[in-house]
PDB file of all heavy atoms in Angstrom:
ATOM      1  N   ALA A   1      59.967 144.030 158.667  1.00  0.00           N
ATOM      2  CA  ALA A   1      61.246 143.529 159.162  1.00  0.00           C
ATOM      3  C   ALA A   1      62.405 144.412 158.710  1.00  0.00           C
ATOM      4  O   ALA A   1      63.368 144.616 159.456  1.00  0.00           O
ATOM      5  CB  ALA A   1      61.458 142.091 158.689  1.00  0.00           C
ATOM      6  N   GLY A   2      62.318 144.938 157.487  1.00  0.00           N
ATOM      7  CA  GLY A   2      63.392 145.791 156.988  1.00  0.00           C
ATOM      8  C   GLY A   2      63.589 147.022 157.850  1.00  0.00           C
ATOM      9  O   GLY A   2      64.726 147.417 158.147  1.00  0.00           O
ATOM     10  N   ILE A   3      62.494 147.644 158.266  1.00  0.00           N
ATOM     11  CA  ILE A   3      62.580 148.823 159.128  1.00  0.00           C
ATOM     12  C   ILE A   3      63.148 148.453 160.492  1.00  0.00           C
ATOM     13  O   ILE A   3      64.062 149.111 161.018  1.00  0.00           O
ATOM     14  CB  ILE A   3      61.201 149.486 159.277  1.00  0.00           C
ATOM     15  CG1 ILE A   3      60.780 150.134 157.951  1.00  0.00           C
ATOM     16  CG2 ILE A   3      61.212 150.522 160.399  1.00  0.00           C
ATOM     17  CD1 ILE A   3      59.371 150.682 157.955  1.00  0.00           C
ATOM     18  N   LEU A   4      62.632 147.379 161.100  1.00  0.00           N
ATOM     19  CA  LEU A   4      63.047 147.014 162.453  1.00  0.00           C
ATOM     20  C   LEU A   4      64.506 146.572 162.515  1.00  0.00           C
ATOM     21  O   LEU A   4      65.230 146.925 163.451  1.00  0.00           O
ATOM     22  CB  LEU A   4      62.133 145.905 162.986  1.00  0.00           C
ATOM     23  CG  LEU A   4      60.691 146.336 163.280  1.00  0.00           C
ATOM     24  CD1 LEU A   4      59.830 145.129 163.638  1.00  0.00           C
ATOM     25  CD2 LEU A   4      60.663 147.370 164.394  1.00  0.00           C
ATOM     26  N   ILE A   5      64.951 145.791 161.522  1.00  0.00           N
ATOM     27  CA  ILE A   5      66.340 145.327 161.531  1.00  0.00           C
ATOM     28  C   ILE A   5      67.308 146.492 161.403  1.00  0.00           C
ATOM     29  O   ILE A   5      68.343 146.544 162.078  1.00  0.00           O
ATOM     30  CB  ILE A   5      66.553 144.291 160.415  1.00  0.00           C
ATOM     31  CG1 ILE A   5      65.855 142.977 160.790  1.00  0.00           C
ATOM     32  CG2 ILE A   5      68.036 144.050 160.145  1.00  0.00           C
ATOM     33  CD1 ILE A   5      65.826 141.948 159.688  1.00  0.00           C
ATOM     34  N   SER A   6      66.989 147.456 160.542  1.00  0.00           N
ATOM     35  CA  SER A   6      67.879 148.604 160.378  1.00  0.00           C
ATOM     36  C   SER A   6      67.801 149.566 161.560  1.00  0.00           C
ATOM     37  O   SER A   6      68.809 150.136 161.970  1.00  0.00           O
ATOM     38  CB  SER A   6      67.538 149.343 159.081  1.00  0.00           C
ATOM     39  OG  SER A   6      67.872 148.562 157.957  1.00  0.00           O
ATOM     40  N   ALA A   7      66.611 149.719 162.123  1.00  0.00           N
ATOM     41  CA  ALA A   7      66.447 150.677 163.224  1.00  0.00           C
ATOM     42  C   ALA A   7      67.012 150.155 164.535  1.00  0.00           C
ATOM     43  O   ALA A   7      67.484 150.944 165.369  1.00  0.00           O
ATOM     44  CB  ALA A   7      64.968 151.010 163.403  1.00  0.00           C
ATOM     45  N   LEU A   8      66.995 148.848 164.742  1.00  0.00           N
ATOM     46  CA  LEU A   8      67.395 148.283 166.027  1.00  0.00           C
ATOM     47  C   LEU A   8      68.681 147.465 165.966  1.00  0.00           C
ATOM     48  O   LEU A   8      69.200 147.049 166.998  1.00  0.00           O
ATOM     49  CB  LEU A   8      66.271 147.388 166.570  1.00  0.00           C
ATOM     50  CG  LEU A   8      64.898 148.029 166.750  1.00  0.00           C
ATOM     51  CD1 LEU A   8      63.882 146.990 167.214  1.00  0.00           C
ATOM     52  CD2 LEU A   8      64.966 149.185 167.738  1.00  0.00           C
ATOM     53  N   GLY A   9      69.204 147.218 164.753  1.00  0.00           N
ATOM     54  CA  GLY A   9      70.305 146.277 164.582  1.00  0.00           C
ATOM     55  C   GLY A   9      71.665 146.802 164.960  1.00  0.00           C
ATOM     56  O   GLY A   9      71.871 147.996 165.209  1.00  0.00           O
ATOM     57  N   GLY A  10      72.631 145.874 164.965  1.00  0.00           N
ATOM     58  CA  GLY A  10      73.992 146.203 165.355  1.00  0.00           C
ATOM     59  C   GLY A  10      74.950 146.347 164.198  1.00  0.00           C
ATOM     60  O   GLY A  10      76.166 146.319 164.391  1.00  0.00           O
ATOM     61  N   SER A  11      74.428 146.490 162.986  1.00  0.00           N
ATOM     62  CA  SER A  11      75.268 146.687 161.803  1.00  0.00           C
ATOM     63  C   SER A  11      74.840 147.971 161.100  1.00  0.00           C
ATOM     64  O   SER A  11      73.642 148.263 161.005  1.00  0.00           O
ATOM     65  CB  SER A  11      75.129 145.499 160.842  1.00  0.00           C
ATOM     66  OG  SER A  11      75.738 145.785 159.598  1.00  0.00           O
ATOM     67  N   ARG A  12      75.809 148.713 160.577  1.00  0.00           N
ATOM     68  CA  ARG A  12      75.480 149.956 159.889  1.00  0.00           C
ATOM     69  C   ARG A  12      74.838 149.713 158.525  1.00  0.00           C
ATOM     70  O   ARG A  12      74.046 150.537 158.064  1.00  0.00           O
ATOM     71  CB  ARG A  12      76.749 150.809 159.689  1.00  0.00           C
ATOM     72  CG  ARG A  12      77.318 151.413 160.953  1.00  0.00           C
ATOM     73  CD  ARG A  12      78.576 152.216 160.653  1.00  0.00           C
ATOM     74  NE  ARG A  12      79.228 152.672 161.862  1.00  0.00           N
ATOM     75  CZ  ARG A  12      79.020 153.867 162.430  1.00  0.00           C
ATOM     76  NH1 ARG A  12      78.179 154.714 161.884  1.00  0.00           N
ATOM     77  NH2 ARG A  12      79.668 154.201 163.527  1.00  0.00           N
ATOM     78  N   THR A  13      75.182 148.610 157.879  1.00  0.00           N
ATOM     79  CA  THR A  13      74.768 148.446 156.475  1.00  0.00           C
ATOM     80  C   THR A  13      73.949 147.188 156.222  1.00  0.00           C
ATOM     81  O   THR A  13      73.647 146.878 155.087  1.00  0.00           O
ATOM     82  CB  THR A  13      76.013 148.418 155.569  1.00  0.00           C
ATOM     83  OG1 THR A  13      76.942 147.447 156.065  1.00  0.00           O
ATOM     84  CG2 THR A  13      76.685 149.782 155.545  1.00  0.00           C
ATOM     85  N   GLN A  14      73.580 146.463 157.280  1.00  0.00           N
ATOM     86  CA  GLN A  14      72.779 145.254 157.117  1.00  0.00           C
ATOM     87  C   GLN A  14      71.411 145.575 156.524  1.00  0.00           C
ATOM     88  O   GLN A  14      70.746 146.523 156.948  1.00  0.00           O
ATOM     89  CB  GLN A  14      72.588 144.590 158.479  1.00  0.00           C
ATOM     90  CG  GLN A  14      71.693 143.370 158.483  1.00  0.00           C
ATOM     91  CD  GLN A  14      72.474 142.090 158.296  1.00  0.00           C
ATOM     92  OE1 GLN A  14      72.919 141.809 157.183  1.00  0.00           O
ATOM     93  NE2 GLN A  14      72.650 141.326 159.356  1.00  0.00           N
ATOM     94  N   ILE A  15      70.984 144.788 155.545  1.00  0.00           N
ATOM     95  CA  ILE A  15      69.644 144.888 154.974  1.00  0.00           C
ATOM     96  C   ILE A  15      68.884 143.627 155.350  1.00  0.00           C
ATOM     97  O   ILE A  15      69.354 142.509 155.134  1.00  0.00           O
ATOM     98  CB  ILE A  15      69.685 145.025 153.435  1.00  0.00           C
ATOM     99  CG1 ILE A  15      70.434 146.293 153.036  1.00  0.00           C
ATOM    100  CG2 ILE A  15      68.267 145.018 152.862  1.00  0.00           C
ATOM    101  CD1 ILE A  15      69.746 147.584 153.433  1.00  0.00           C
ATOM    102  N   GLY A  16      67.698 143.797 155.936  1.00  0.00           N
ATOM    103  CA  GLY A  16      66.915 142.652 156.387  1.00  0.00           C
ATOM    104  C   GLY A  16      65.665 142.434 155.564  1.00  0.00           C
ATOM    105  O   GLY A  16      65.170 143.344 154.895  1.00  0.00           O
ATOM    106  N   GLY A  17      65.171 141.212 155.617  1.00  0.00           N
ATOM    107  CA  GLY A  17      63.941 140.871 154.909  1.00  0.00           C
ATOM    108  C   GLY A  17      63.839 139.371 154.724  1.00  0.00           C
ATOM    109  O   GLY A  17      64.579 138.599 155.341  1.00  0.00           O
ATOM    110  N   PRO A  18      62.929 138.908 153.869  1.00  0.00           N
ATOM    111  CA  PRO A  18      62.821 137.476 153.598  1.00  0.00           C
ATOM    112  C   PRO A  18      64.006 137.013 152.756  1.00  0.00           C
ATOM    113  O   PRO A  18      64.514 137.759 151.927  1.00  0.00           O
ATOM    114  CB  PRO A  18      61.509 137.367 152.818  1.00  0.00           C
ATOM    115  CG  PRO A  18      61.392 138.691 152.113  1.00  0.00           C
ATOM    116  CD  PRO A  18      61.987 139.706 153.064  1.00  0.00           C
ATOM    117  N   THR A  19      64.462 135.790 152.979  1.00  0.00           N
ATOM    118  CA  THR A  19      65.576 135.259 152.195  1.00  0.00           C
ATOM    119  C   THR A  19      65.260 133.849 151.716  1.00  0.00           C
ATOM    120  O   THR A  19      64.406 133.160 152.283  1.00  0.00           O
ATOM    121  CB  THR A  19      66.892 135.220 153.006  1.00  0.00           C
ATOM    122  OG1 THR A  19      66.767 134.243 154.048  1.00  0.00           O
ATOM    123  CG2 THR A  19      67.204 136.579 153.611  1.00  0.00           C
ATOM    124  N   ALA A  20      65.970 133.430 150.693  1.00  0.00           N
ATOM    125  CA  ALA A  20      65.724 132.129 150.085  1.00  0.00           C
ATOM    126  C   ALA A  20      66.008 130.979 151.038  1.00  0.00           C
ATOM    127  O   ALA A  20      65.442 129.889 150.891  1.00  0.00           O
ATOM    128  CB  ALA A  20      66.564 131.981 148.815  1.00  0.00           C
ATOM    129  N   ALA A  21      66.870 131.188 152.023  1.00  0.00           N
ATOM    130  CA  ALA A  21      67.210 130.113 152.959  1.00  0.00           C
ATOM    131  C   ALA A  21      65.994 129.617 153.729  1.00  0.00           C
ATOM    132  O   ALA A  21      65.973 128.473 154.199  1.00  0.00           O
ATOM    133  CB  ALA A  21      68.285 130.601 153.930  1.00  0.00           C
ATOM    134  N   PHE A  22      64.967 130.462 153.859  1.00  0.00           N
ATOM    135  CA  PHE A  22      63.780 130.078 154.622  1.00  0.00           C
ATOM    136  C   PHE A  22      62.756 129.287 153.801  1.00  0.00           C
ATOM    137  O   PHE A  22      61.796 128.753 154.354  1.00  0.00           O
ATOM    138  CB  PHE A  22      63.085 131.325 155.180  1.00  0.00           C
ATOM    139  CG  PHE A  22      63.764 131.917 156.373  1.00  0.00           C
ATOM    140  CD1 PHE A  22      64.336 133.175 156.309  1.00  0.00           C
ATOM    141  CD2 PHE A  22      63.840 131.228 157.567  1.00  0.00           C
ATOM    142  CE1 PHE A  22      64.960 133.729 157.415  1.00  0.00           C
ATOM    143  CE2 PHE A  22      64.456 131.768 158.680  1.00  0.00           C
ATOM    144  CZ  PHE A  22      65.020 133.029 158.609  1.00  0.00           C
ATOM    145  N   ILE A  23      62.917 129.239 152.496  1.00  0.00           N
ATOM    146  CA  ILE A  23      61.885 128.658 151.643  1.00  0.00           C
ATOM    147  C   ILE A  23      61.541 127.228 152.064  1.00  0.00           C
ATOM    148  O   ILE A  23      60.366 126.862 152.178  1.00  0.00           O
ATOM    149  CB  ILE A  23      62.308 128.696 150.165  1.00  0.00           C
ATOM    150  CG1 ILE A  23      62.295 130.142 149.650  1.00  0.00           C
ATOM    151  CG2 ILE A  23      61.398 127.822 149.305  1.00  0.00           C
ATOM    152  CD1 ILE A  23      62.813 130.305 148.235  1.00  0.00           C
ATOM    153  N   VAL A  24      62.564 126.424 152.322  1.00  0.00           N
ATOM    154  CA  VAL A  24      62.343 125.017 152.652  1.00  0.00           C
ATOM    155  C   VAL A  24      61.517 124.870 153.927  1.00  0.00           C
ATOM    156  O   VAL A  24      60.504 124.170 153.956  1.00  0.00           O
ATOM    157  CB  VAL A  24      63.685 124.278 152.794  1.00  0.00           C
ATOM    158  CG1 VAL A  24      63.459 122.833 153.228  1.00  0.00           C
ATOM    159  CG2 VAL A  24      64.454 124.320 151.490  1.00  0.00           C
ATOM    160  N   VAL A  25      61.948 125.538 154.992  1.00  0.00           N
ATOM    161  CA  VAL A  25      61.248 125.380 156.269  1.00  0.00           C
ATOM    162  C   VAL A  25      59.875 126.038 156.239  1.00  0.00           C
ATOM    163  O   VAL A  25      58.905 125.493 156.781  1.00  0.00           O
ATOM    164  CB  VAL A  25      62.110 125.927 157.432  1.00  0.00           C
ATOM    165  CG1 VAL A  25      62.339 127.415 157.309  1.00  0.00           C
ATOM    166  CG2 VAL A  25      61.471 125.597 158.764  1.00  0.00           C
ATOM    167  N   VAL A  26      59.751 127.193 155.579  1.00  0.00           N
ATOM    168  CA  VAL A  26      58.460 127.871 155.504  1.00  0.00           C
ATOM    169  C   VAL A  26      57.452 127.034 154.722  1.00  0.00           C
ATOM    170  O   VAL A  26      56.299 126.859 155.145  1.00  0.00           O
ATOM    171  CB  VAL A  26      58.604 129.270 154.866  1.00  0.00           C
ATOM    172  CG1 VAL A  26      57.235 129.861 154.537  1.00  0.00           C
ATOM    173  CG2 VAL A  26      59.359 130.196 155.816  1.00  0.00           C
ATOM    174  N   TYR A  27      57.882 126.480 153.606  1.00  0.00           N
ATOM    175  CA  TYR A  27      56.990 125.642 152.805  1.00  0.00           C
ATOM    176  C   TYR A  27      56.501 124.455 153.630  1.00  0.00           C
ATOM    177  O   TYR A  27      55.316 124.089 153.582  1.00  0.00           O
ATOM    178  CB  TYR A  27      57.716 125.153 151.553  1.00  0.00           C
ATOM    179  CG  TYR A  27      56.818 124.460 150.556  1.00  0.00           C
ATOM    180  CD1 TYR A  27      56.205 125.174 149.534  1.00  0.00           C
ATOM    181  CD2 TYR A  27      56.576 123.097 150.638  1.00  0.00           C
ATOM    182  CE1 TYR A  27      55.378 124.548 148.615  1.00  0.00           C
ATOM    183  CE2 TYR A  27      55.740 122.456 149.733  1.00  0.00           C
ATOM    184  CZ  TYR A  27      55.159 123.185 148.720  1.00  0.00           C
ATOM    185  OH  TYR A  27      54.332 122.551 147.821  1.00  0.00           O
ATOM    186  N   GLY A  28      57.408 123.860 154.401  1.00  0.00           N
ATOM    187  CA  GLY A  28      57.024 122.719 155.226  1.00  0.00           C
ATOM    188  C   GLY A  28      56.041 123.090 156.316  1.00  0.00           C
ATOM    189  O   GLY A  28      55.082 122.350 156.588  1.00  0.00           O
ATOM    190  N   VAL A  29      56.243 124.235 156.959  1.00  0.00           N
ATOM    191  CA  VAL A  29      55.326 124.671 158.012  1.00  0.00           C
ATOM    192  C   VAL A  29      53.945 124.969 157.441  1.00  0.00           C
ATOM    193  O   VAL A  29      52.920 124.575 158.011  1.00  0.00           O
ATOM    194  CB  VAL A  29      55.891 125.908 158.744  1.00  0.00           C
ATOM    195  CG1 VAL A  29      54.865 126.463 159.728  1.00  0.00           C
ATOM    196  CG2 VAL A  29      57.183 125.557 159.475  1.00  0.00           C
ATOM    197  N   VAL A  30      53.905 125.663 156.307  1.00  0.00           N
ATOM    198  CA  VAL A  30      52.617 125.982 155.680  1.00  0.00           C
ATOM    199  C   VAL A  30      51.897 124.702 155.267  1.00  0.00           C
ATOM    200  O   VAL A  30      50.677 124.568 155.444  1.00  0.00           O
ATOM    201  CB  VAL A  30      52.824 126.913 154.463  1.00  0.00           C
ATOM    202  CG1 VAL A  30      51.518 127.103 153.701  1.00  0.00           C
ATOM    203  CG2 VAL A  30      53.373 128.262 154.912  1.00  0.00           C
ATOM    204  N   ARG A  31      52.650 123.742 154.733  1.00  0.00           N
ATOM    205  CA  ARG A  31      52.047 122.478 154.312  1.00  0.00           C
ATOM    206  C   ARG A  31      51.460 121.719 155.506  1.00  0.00           C
ATOM    207  O   ARG A  31      50.359 121.176 155.422  1.00  0.00           O
ATOM    208  CB  ARG A  31      53.104 121.625 153.632  1.00  0.00           C
ATOM    209  CG  ARG A  31      52.633 120.227 153.214  1.00  0.00           C
ATOM    210  CD  ARG A  31      53.829 119.340 152.930  1.00  0.00           C
ATOM    211  NE  ARG A  31      54.649 119.160 154.131  1.00  0.00           N
ATOM    212  CZ  ARG A  31      55.940 118.875 154.115  1.00  0.00           C
ATOM    213  NH1 ARG A  31      56.593 118.769 152.977  1.00  0.00           N
ATOM    214  NH2 ARG A  31      56.607 118.723 155.242  1.00  0.00           N
ATOM    215  N   ASP A  32      52.177 121.705 156.614  1.00  0.00           N
ATOM    216  CA  ASP A  32      51.762 120.882 157.760  1.00  0.00           C
ATOM    217  C   ASP A  32      50.822 121.598 158.719  1.00  0.00           C
ATOM    218  O   ASP A  32      49.974 120.946 159.357  1.00  0.00           O
ATOM    219  CB  ASP A  32      53.007 120.418 158.541  1.00  0.00           C
ATOM    220  CG  ASP A  32      53.899 119.501 157.715  1.00  0.00           C
ATOM    221  OD1 ASP A  32      53.384 118.882 156.763  1.00  0.00           O
ATOM    222  OD2 ASP A  32      55.106 119.426 158.022  1.00  0.00           O
ATOM    223  N   PHE A  33      50.959 122.932 158.842  1.00  0.00           N
ATOM    224  CA  PHE A  33      50.201 123.644 159.874  1.00  0.00           C
ATOM    225  C   PHE A  33      49.401 124.830 159.337  1.00  0.00           C
ATOM    226  O   PHE A  33      48.730 125.500 160.115  1.00  0.00           O
ATOM    227  CB  PHE A  33      51.153 124.132 160.970  1.00  0.00           C
ATOM    228  CG  PHE A  33      51.969 123.044 161.594  1.00  0.00           C
ATOM    229  CD1 PHE A  33      53.317 122.903 161.285  1.00  0.00           C
ATOM    230  CD2 PHE A  33      51.397 122.151 162.486  1.00  0.00           C
ATOM    231  CE1 PHE A  33      54.080 121.898 161.856  1.00  0.00           C
ATOM    232  CE2 PHE A  33      52.145 121.140 163.068  1.00  0.00           C
ATOM    233  CZ  PHE A  33      53.487 121.007 162.752  1.00  0.00           C
ATOM    234  N   GLY A  34      49.492 125.100 158.029  1.00  0.00           N
ATOM    235  CA  GLY A  34      48.741 126.203 157.456  1.00  0.00           C
ATOM    236  C   GLY A  34      49.455 127.537 157.617  1.00  0.00           C
ATOM    237  O   GLY A  34      50.457 127.655 158.335  1.00  0.00           O
ATOM    238  N   ALA A  35      48.912 128.556 156.951  1.00  0.00           N
ATOM    239  CA  ALA A  35      49.520 129.888 157.006  1.00  0.00           C
ATOM    240  C   ALA A  35      49.499 130.457 158.416  1.00  0.00           C
ATOM    241  O   ALA A  35      50.438 131.154 158.833  1.00  0.00           O
ATOM    242  CB  ALA A  35      48.802 130.832 156.044  1.00  0.00           C
ATOM    243  N   ASP A  36      48.443 130.168 159.186  1.00  0.00           N
ATOM    244  CA  ASP A  36      48.388 130.665 160.558  1.00  0.00           C
ATOM    245  C   ASP A  36      49.442 129.991 161.428  1.00  0.00           C
ATOM    246  O   ASP A  36      49.977 130.590 162.363  1.00  0.00           O
ATOM    247  CB  ASP A  36      46.994 130.462 161.147  1.00  0.00           C
ATOM    248  CG  ASP A  36      46.595 128.997 161.215  1.00  0.00           C
ATOM    249  OD1 ASP A  36      46.941 128.248 160.281  1.00  0.00           O
ATOM    250  OD2 ASP A  36      45.941 128.597 162.202  1.00  0.00           O
ATOM    251  N   GLY A  37      49.766 128.726 161.106  1.00  0.00           N
ATOM    252  CA  GLY A  37      50.838 128.051 161.824  1.00  0.00           C
ATOM    253  C   GLY A  37      52.186 128.698 161.567  1.00  0.00           C
ATOM    254  O   GLY A  37      53.024 128.802 162.468  1.00  0.00           O
ATOM    255  N   LEU A  38      52.410 129.148 160.322  1.00  0.00           N
ATOM    256  CA  LEU A  38      53.653 129.847 159.999  1.00  0.00           C
ATOM    257  C   LEU A  38      53.773 131.132 160.808  1.00  0.00           C
ATOM    258  O   LEU A  38      54.850 131.458 161.329  1.00  0.00           O
ATOM    259  CB  LEU A  38      53.712 130.161 158.504  1.00  0.00           C
ATOM    260  CG  LEU A  38      54.877 131.047 158.070  1.00  0.00           C
ATOM    261  CD1 LEU A  38      56.207 130.346 158.321  1.00  0.00           C
ATOM    262  CD2 LEU A  38      54.742 131.452 156.613  1.00  0.00           C
ATOM    263  N   ILE A  39      52.677 131.871 160.925  1.00  0.00           N
ATOM    264  CA  ILE A  39      52.708 133.126 161.677  1.00  0.00           C
ATOM    265  C   ILE A  39      53.052 132.866 163.140  1.00  0.00           C
ATOM    266  O   ILE A  39      53.864 133.576 163.749  1.00  0.00           O
ATOM    267  CB  ILE A  39      51.352 133.848 161.538  1.00  0.00           C
ATOM    268  CG1 ILE A  39      51.152 134.308 160.090  1.00  0.00           C
ATOM    269  CG2 ILE A  39      51.277 135.032 162.489  1.00  0.00           C
ATOM    270  CD1 ILE A  39      49.774 134.854 159.810  1.00  0.00           C
ATOM    271  N   THR A  40      52.454 131.821 163.708  1.00  0.00           N
ATOM    272  CA  THR A  40      52.761 131.480 165.100  1.00  0.00           C
ATOM    273  C   THR A  40      54.218 131.061 165.255  1.00  0.00           C
ATOM    274  O   THR A  40      54.908 131.472 166.193  1.00  0.00           O
ATOM    275  CB  THR A  40      51.839 130.350 165.588  1.00  0.00           C
ATOM    276  OG1 THR A  40      50.478 130.769 165.508  1.00  0.00           O
ATOM    277  CG2 THR A  40      52.150 129.970 167.033  1.00  0.00           C
TER     278      THR A  40
END
């Protein structure tokens, strides 16, 4: 994601990657649907 966000993005200095804001929703998806559900 870091490569794609910087290579294709609309900001000169944006850094992309995983962030803490996703922890809640990701944990819930993994709990309810498994790791493969998160990927989907």
